[in-house]
Amino acid sequence: MLAPMQGLTNHAIRSLFIDWVRPDLVFTEFMRVNPVAPIRRLSAGDLREISTAEQKVPLVVQLVGHGKEALVSAALAAEAAGALHINLNMGCPYGRMTTGLTGGKMLRRQEDLVEIIPALRQAISGTFSIKLRAGYEDPQQIFSLLPLFESAGVDFLVLHPRTVLQEYTGSADHAVTAEVVRQTRLPVIANGDIRSAADGWRVLRETGAAGLMLGRGAIADPMLFERLRGKGAPEPDQQEKGALLGRYLREVLARYRAIYCGEAQVLGKLKAIIVHMEEPCFAKTLKRLKKTNSLQQFAAVLDELG
């Protein structure tokens, strides 16, 4: 699965990944649920993004919000717009969406989930999944939630085994993922710190997870999907990495020019991708790309990659 990443996995990026590596599932960026506008829980722009699939790859609509009434209303609006698969974000560690307890902060008030999760499951006619952290501050919190998820009839879980307070520091503890897999009958998708084929194979082997969700690792290397499938070199050489880097960023540049207005916006979106690239042999090139002030400069640096 291609992870939902705010500001990154927009329609252009999802389309590129489908064209290049065809993930089994793709997710929207999170769709903010308006807690005070019952007529319009989701923005007009978000509603236009919703479809049953993108190029025949199932599209999962991810909601982020709080409050049973608002979330149920938003889920119904998403289904009315064509969504067949809905995911609740209980993992985002940043509280910038609303003033309420949204994303990972929903884990701070576990008692609210006893009402919210069953209500969403009852309202949603398609699949309903949850993406969450292992806990808010305690990585063992997930185990107290499993009976609720099972009894409500959640279809599957996507687990990032850090706490909300950790954000992205430290390492994802997939020993927690393995224990969750052992303790629940629900399919568990492993997410977090999967940056190479070796990482992915190890996580699958050690956890027994039903699948993988690729986020920052895939944004840095879109061919990671194919490497995990055993197609191509698990660890490409420097020449192959350079050719892929140039091709990838040129393709993103072309697609962003088609959907975004203004050079500054396109350049900012491109640099948001480069932040996730940690390739030592191209460290100087990546640093220069981050410092470019125009698309002409950006393209010129790419030309040096060949």
Protein backbone atom coordinates (compact mmCIF):
# COMPACT_ATOMS: atom_id res chain seq x y z
CA MET A 1 0.00 0.00 0.00
CA LEU A 2 1.14 3.54 -0.71
CA ALA A 3 0.83 5.47 2.54
CA PRO A 4 -1.21 8.65 2.89
CA MET A 5 1.26 11.50 3.40
CA GLN A 6 -0.10 15.01 3.74
CA GLY A 7 1.31 17.35 1.11
CA LEU A 8 2.97 14.47 -0.74
CA THR A 9 0.62 11.72 -1.92
CA ASN A 10 -1.57 14.02 -4.01
CA HIS A 11 -3.27 12.85 -7.19
CA ALA A 12 -0.18 13.50 -9.31
CA ILE A 13 2.07 11.36 -7.10
CA ARG A 14 -0.53 8.59 -6.78
CA SER A 15 -0.88 8.55 -10.55
CA LEU A 16 2.88 8.33 -11.01
CA PHE A 17 3.14 5.40 -8.61
CA ILE A 18 0.28 3.60 -10.35
CA ASP A 19 1.91 4.13 -13.75
CA TRP A 20 5.32 2.98 -12.54
CA VAL A 21 4.78 0.30 -9.89
CA ARG A 22 1.03 -0.18 -9.38
CA PRO A 23 0.55 -0.45 -5.61
CA ASP A 24 -2.24 -2.77 -4.45
CA LEU A 25 -3.95 0.14 -2.69
CA VAL A 26 -3.48 3.90 -2.67
CA PHE A 27 -4.75 6.37 -0.07
CA THR A 28 -5.82 9.98 -0.36
CA GLU A 29 -4.07 12.60 1.67
CA PHE A 30 -6.12 13.00 4.80
CA MET A 31 -9.47 14.68 4.36
CA ARG A 32 -10.24 17.06 7.21
CA VAL A 33 -13.68 16.63 8.76
CA ASN A 34 -15.36 19.93 9.58
CA PRO A 35 -16.78 19.57 13.12
CA VAL A 36 -19.17 22.54 12.91
CA ALA A 37 -20.64 22.46 9.38
CA PRO A 38 -23.14 19.58 9.20
CA ILE A 39 -24.06 20.35 5.59
CA ARG A 40 -20.47 20.31 4.36
CA ARG A 41 -18.34 18.00 6.50
CA LEU A 42 -15.77 17.61 3.69
CA SER A 43 -14.50 20.38 1.44
CA ALA A 44 -15.63 20.61 -2.16
CA GLY A 45 -12.04 19.96 -3.24
CA ASP A 46 -11.84 16.77 -1.18
CA LEU A 47 -15.16 15.53 -2.51
CA ARG A 48 -13.87 15.98 -6.07
CA GLU A 49 -10.87 13.78 -5.20
CA ILE A 50 -13.06 10.86 -4.20
CA SER A 51 -13.55 7.94 -6.57
CA THR A 52 -13.92 4.19 -6.30
CA ALA A 53 -10.46 3.66 -7.79
CA GLU A 54 -7.64 5.38 -9.63
CA GLN A 55 -6.68 3.63 -12.86
CA LYS A 56 -8.36 0.48 -11.44
CA VAL A 57 -6.28 0.58 -8.23
CA PRO A 58 -8.61 0.84 -5.19
CA LEU A 59 -8.55 4.30 -3.61
CA VAL A 60 -8.95 4.52 0.17
CA VAL A 61 -10.35 7.79 1.52
CA GLN A 62 -8.66 8.74 4.78
CA LEU A 63 -10.63 10.89 7.21
CA VAL A 64 -9.12 12.92 10.04
CA GLY A 65 -11.39 14.59 12.55
CA HIS A 66 -13.12 14.17 15.89
CA GLY A 67 -16.58 13.58 17.28
CA LYS A 68 -18.90 10.70 16.45
CA GLU A 69 -21.52 12.78 14.65
CA ALA A 70 -19.03 14.67 12.48
CA LEU A 71 -17.05 11.56 11.52
CA VAL A 72 -20.14 9.51 10.68
CA SER A 73 -21.56 12.36 8.63
CA ALA A 74 -18.26 12.74 6.75
CA ALA A 75 -18.06 9.01 6.07
CA LEU A 76 -21.56 9.04 4.60
CA ALA A 77 -20.68 12.07 2.45
CA ALA A 78 -17.57 10.28 1.19
CA GLU A 79 -19.58 7.20 0.27
CA ALA A 80 -22.18 9.34 -1.47
CA ALA A 81 -19.33 10.80 -3.53
CA GLY A 82 -18.22 7.32 -4.58
CA ALA A 83 -15.86 6.04 -1.85
CA LEU A 84 -15.81 2.28 -1.37
CA HIS A 85 -13.01 2.21 1.19
CA ILE A 86 -12.71 4.52 4.21
CA ASN A 87 -9.85 4.79 6.69
CA LEU A 88 -9.78 6.66 9.99
CA ASN A 89 -6.53 8.45 10.79
CA MET A 90 -5.57 7.81 14.41
CA GLY A 91 -1.86 8.12 13.79
CA CYS A 92 -0.89 11.61 12.62
CA PRO A 93 1.31 13.06 15.39
CA TYR A 94 0.76 16.69 14.42
CA GLY A 95 -2.16 18.60 15.90
CA ARG A 96 -2.56 21.14 13.12
CA MET A 97 -5.88 19.96 11.71
CA THR A 98 -8.43 21.32 14.21
CA THR A 99 -8.62 22.31 17.86
CA GLY A 100 -10.14 18.93 18.75
CA LEU A 101 -8.42 15.63 19.42
CA THR A 102 -7.74 14.41 15.91
CA GLY A 103 -5.30 12.00 14.32
CA GLY A 104 -2.99 10.43 16.89
CA LYS A 105 -4.47 12.64 19.59
CA MET A 106 -7.65 10.55 19.47
CA LEU A 107 -5.66 8.04 21.52
CA ARG A 108 -5.54 10.52 24.41
CA ARG A 109 -9.24 9.95 25.08
CA GLN A 110 -9.74 6.26 24.56
CA GLU A 111 -13.20 6.31 26.12
CA ASP A 112 -14.52 8.30 23.14
CA LEU A 113 -13.45 5.55 20.77
CA VAL A 114 -15.93 3.14 22.34
CA GLU A 115 -18.69 5.17 20.69
CA ILE A 116 -16.91 6.40 17.56
CA ILE A 117 -15.53 3.13 16.15
CA PRO A 118 -18.78 1.07 16.26
CA ALA A 119 -20.77 4.03 14.94
CA LEU A 120 -18.45 4.39 11.95
CA ARG A 121 -18.50 0.67 11.25
CA GLN A 122 -22.30 0.63 11.33
CA ALA A 123 -22.55 3.65 9.01
CA ILE A 124 -19.94 2.60 6.43
CA SER A 125 -21.21 0.11 3.87
CA GLY A 126 -17.80 -0.52 2.27
CA THR A 127 -14.54 -1.44 3.97
CA PHE A 128 -13.50 0.41 7.10
CA SER A 129 -9.91 0.40 8.30
CA ILE A 130 -7.91 2.29 10.92
CA LYS A 131 -4.37 3.66 10.68
CA LEU A 132 -2.89 4.24 14.11
CA ARG A 133 0.18 4.55 16.28
CA ALA A 134 0.96 1.97 18.95
CA GLY A 135 -0.22 4.44 21.57
CA TYR A 136 -0.24 8.08 22.56
CA GLU A 137 2.63 7.83 25.04
CA ASP A 138 2.53 4.12 25.92
CA PRO A 139 3.43 1.72 23.08
CA GLN A 140 1.37 -0.98 24.82
CA GLN A 141 -1.88 1.01 24.49
CA ILE A 142 -2.73 -0.73 21.21
CA PHE A 143 -3.38 -4.01 23.03
CA SER A 144 -6.24 -2.52 25.07
CA LEU A 145 -7.87 -1.34 21.82
CA LEU A 146 -7.82 -4.64 19.93
CA PRO A 147 -11.05 -6.03 21.51
CA LEU A 148 -12.89 -2.84 20.48
CA PHE A 149 -11.65 -3.03 16.89
CA GLU A 150 -12.54 -6.71 16.64
CA SER A 151 -16.02 -6.42 18.16
CA ALA A 152 -16.84 -3.41 15.98
CA GLY A 153 -15.91 -5.33 12.82
CA VAL A 154 -13.03 -3.19 11.55
CA ASP A 155 -11.71 -4.74 8.33
CA PHE A 156 -7.99 -4.22 8.89
CA LEU A 157 -5.45 -2.19 10.85
CA VAL A 158 -2.42 -0.25 9.63
CA LEU A 159 0.02 -0.03 12.51
CA HIS A 160 2.95 2.37 12.84
CA PRO A 161 4.70 1.09 15.98
CA ARG A 162 5.85 4.39 17.42
CA THR A 163 3.94 6.47 19.94
CA VAL A 164 2.32 9.75 18.97
CA LEU A 165 4.71 11.65 21.21
CA GLN A 166 7.71 10.07 19.46
CA GLU A 167 6.58 11.59 16.15
CA TYR A 168 9.32 10.24 13.82
CA THR A 169 12.20 10.03 16.28
CA GLY A 170 13.82 6.77 17.26
CA SER A 171 12.92 3.58 15.41
CA ALA A 172 9.64 1.87 14.61
CA ASP A 173 9.44 -1.10 17.02
CA HIS A 174 8.11 -3.92 14.88
CA ALA A 175 8.31 -6.27 17.85
CA VAL A 176 5.08 -4.48 18.82
CA THR A 177 3.70 -5.18 15.34
CA ALA A 178 4.53 -8.87 15.72
CA GLU A 179 2.76 -9.07 19.08
CA VAL A 180 -0.32 -7.29 17.68
CA VAL A 181 -0.43 -9.82 14.83
CA ARG A 182 -0.33 -12.63 17.40
CA GLN A 183 -3.07 -11.13 19.56
CA THR A 184 -5.69 -10.22 16.94
CA ARG A 185 -7.60 -11.99 14.21
CA LEU A 186 -7.69 -8.77 12.18
CA PRO A 187 -5.28 -8.38 9.25
CA VAL A 188 -2.44 -6.06 10.28
CA ILE A 189 -0.50 -3.96 7.77
CA ALA A 190 2.98 -3.00 8.96
CA ASN A 191 4.09 0.61 8.49
CA GLY A 192 7.19 2.50 9.56
CA ASP A 193 10.90 2.60 8.66
CA ILE A 194 10.63 0.38 5.57
CA ARG A 195 13.22 2.00 3.33
CA SER A 196 14.63 -0.98 1.44
CA ALA A 197 13.57 -4.38 0.15
CA ALA A 198 15.61 -5.95 2.96
CA ASP A 199 13.66 -3.90 5.53
CA GLY A 200 10.34 -4.99 4.06
CA TRP A 201 11.21 -8.66 3.82
CA ARG A 202 12.51 -8.63 7.39
CA VAL A 203 9.37 -6.96 8.74
CA LEU A 204 7.11 -9.45 6.95
CA ARG A 205 9.18 -12.39 8.13
CA GLU A 206 9.47 -11.27 11.75
CA THR A 207 5.92 -9.97 12.25
CA GLY A 208 3.67 -12.15 10.13
CA ALA A 209 1.92 -8.98 8.95
CA ALA A 210 -0.60 -9.30 6.14
CA GLY A 211 1.15 -6.61 4.10
CA LEU A 212 3.21 -3.45 4.09
CA MET A 213 2.40 0.23 3.84
CA LEU A 214 5.23 2.24 2.30
CA GLY A 215 5.55 5.94 3.08
CA ARG A 216 8.82 7.87 3.30
CA GLY A 217 10.78 4.94 1.85
CA ALA A 218 8.60 4.87 -1.24
CA ILE A 219 8.68 8.64 -1.70
CA ALA A 220 12.49 8.41 -1.69
CA ASP A 221 12.53 5.37 -4.01
CA PRO A 222 9.30 4.65 -5.90
CA MET A 223 10.77 1.41 -7.26
CA LEU A 224 10.75 0.01 -3.71
CA PHE A 225 7.43 -1.66 -4.57
CA GLU A 226 9.08 -3.59 -7.40
CA ARG A 227 12.15 -4.44 -5.33
CA LEU A 228 9.89 -5.98 -2.68
CA ARG A 229 8.25 -8.06 -5.41
CA GLY A 230 11.64 -9.41 -6.40
CA LYS A 231 11.80 -7.44 -9.64
CA GLY A 232 15.08 -5.66 -10.25
CA ALA A 233 18.08 -5.34 -7.97
CA PRO A 234 17.22 -5.20 -4.25
CA GLU A 235 20.11 -2.72 -3.88
CA PRO A 236 20.77 -0.88 -7.17
CA ASP A 237 24.24 0.45 -7.94
CA GLN A 238 25.12 4.15 -8.00
CA GLN A 239 24.57 4.51 -11.75
CA GLU A 240 21.08 3.03 -11.56
CA LYS A 241 20.24 5.18 -8.54
CA GLY A 242 21.35 8.33 -10.35
CA ALA A 243 19.36 7.51 -13.48
CA LEU A 244 16.25 6.73 -11.41
CA LEU A 245 16.60 9.91 -9.35
CA GLY A 246 16.77 12.08 -12.46
CA ARG A 247 13.89 10.31 -14.20
CA TYR A 248 11.70 10.40 -11.09
CA LEU A 249 12.14 14.09 -10.34
CA ARG A 250 11.72 15.10 -13.99
CA GLU A 251 8.46 13.15 -14.13
CA VAL A 252 7.20 14.74 -10.91
CA LEU A 253 8.21 18.17 -12.21
CA ALA A 254 6.17 17.65 -15.38
CA ARG A 255 3.12 16.44 -13.47
CA TYR A 256 3.31 19.22 -10.88
CA ARG A 257 3.53 21.87 -13.58
CA ALA A 258 0.22 20.55 -14.91
CA ILE A 259 -1.69 20.84 -11.63
CA TYR A 260 -0.08 23.62 -9.57
CA CYS A 261 -0.05 27.33 -10.21
CA GLY A 262 3.18 29.27 -10.05
CA GLU A 263 6.84 28.36 -10.00
CA ALA A 264 7.22 28.82 -6.25
CA GLN A 265 4.47 26.32 -5.47
CA VAL A 266 5.86 23.70 -7.87
CA LEU A 267 9.38 24.18 -6.49
CA GLY A 268 8.15 23.90 -2.91
CA LYS A 269 6.32 20.67 -3.67
CA LEU A 270 9.42 19.22 -5.34
CA LYS A 271 11.60 20.09 -2.35
CA ALA A 272 9.08 18.38 -0.04
CA ILE A 273 9.92 15.13 -1.83
CA ILE A 274 13.69 15.64 -1.65
CA VAL A 275 13.52 16.02 2.14
CA HIS A 276 12.81 12.27 2.33
CA MET A 277 15.83 11.25 0.23
CA GLU A 278 18.85 10.08 2.20
CA GLU A 279 21.22 8.79 -0.46
CA PRO A 280 24.84 9.46 0.62
CA CYS A 281 26.30 9.20 -2.89
CA PHE A 282 24.00 12.02 -4.05
CA ALA A 283 24.09 14.13 -0.88
CA LYS A 284 25.73 17.10 -2.63
CA THR A 285 23.27 16.98 -5.54
CA LEU A 286 20.28 16.76 -3.21
CA LYS A 287 21.60 19.68 -1.17
CA ARG A 288 21.96 21.77 -4.34
CA LEU A 289 18.42 20.87 -5.41
CA LYS A 290 17.11 22.04 -2.03
CA LYS A 291 18.87 25.39 -2.50
CA THR A 292 17.58 26.11 -6.02
CA ASN A 293 15.49 29.25 -6.44
CA SER A 294 13.85 28.50 -9.78
CA LEU A 295 12.61 25.57 -11.82
CA GLN A 296 15.27 26.39 -14.40
CA GLN A 297 17.99 25.94 -11.75
CA PHE A 298 16.31 22.77 -10.51
CA ALA A 299 16.20 21.27 -14.02
CA ALA A 300 19.84 22.23 -14.63
CA VAL A 301 20.97 20.33 -11.54
CA LEU A 302 18.95 17.32 -12.67
CA ASP A 303 20.64 17.43 -16.06
CA GLU A 304 23.95 16.78 -14.33
CA LEU A 305 22.62 13.39 -13.20
CA GLY A 306 22.38 12.34 -16.84
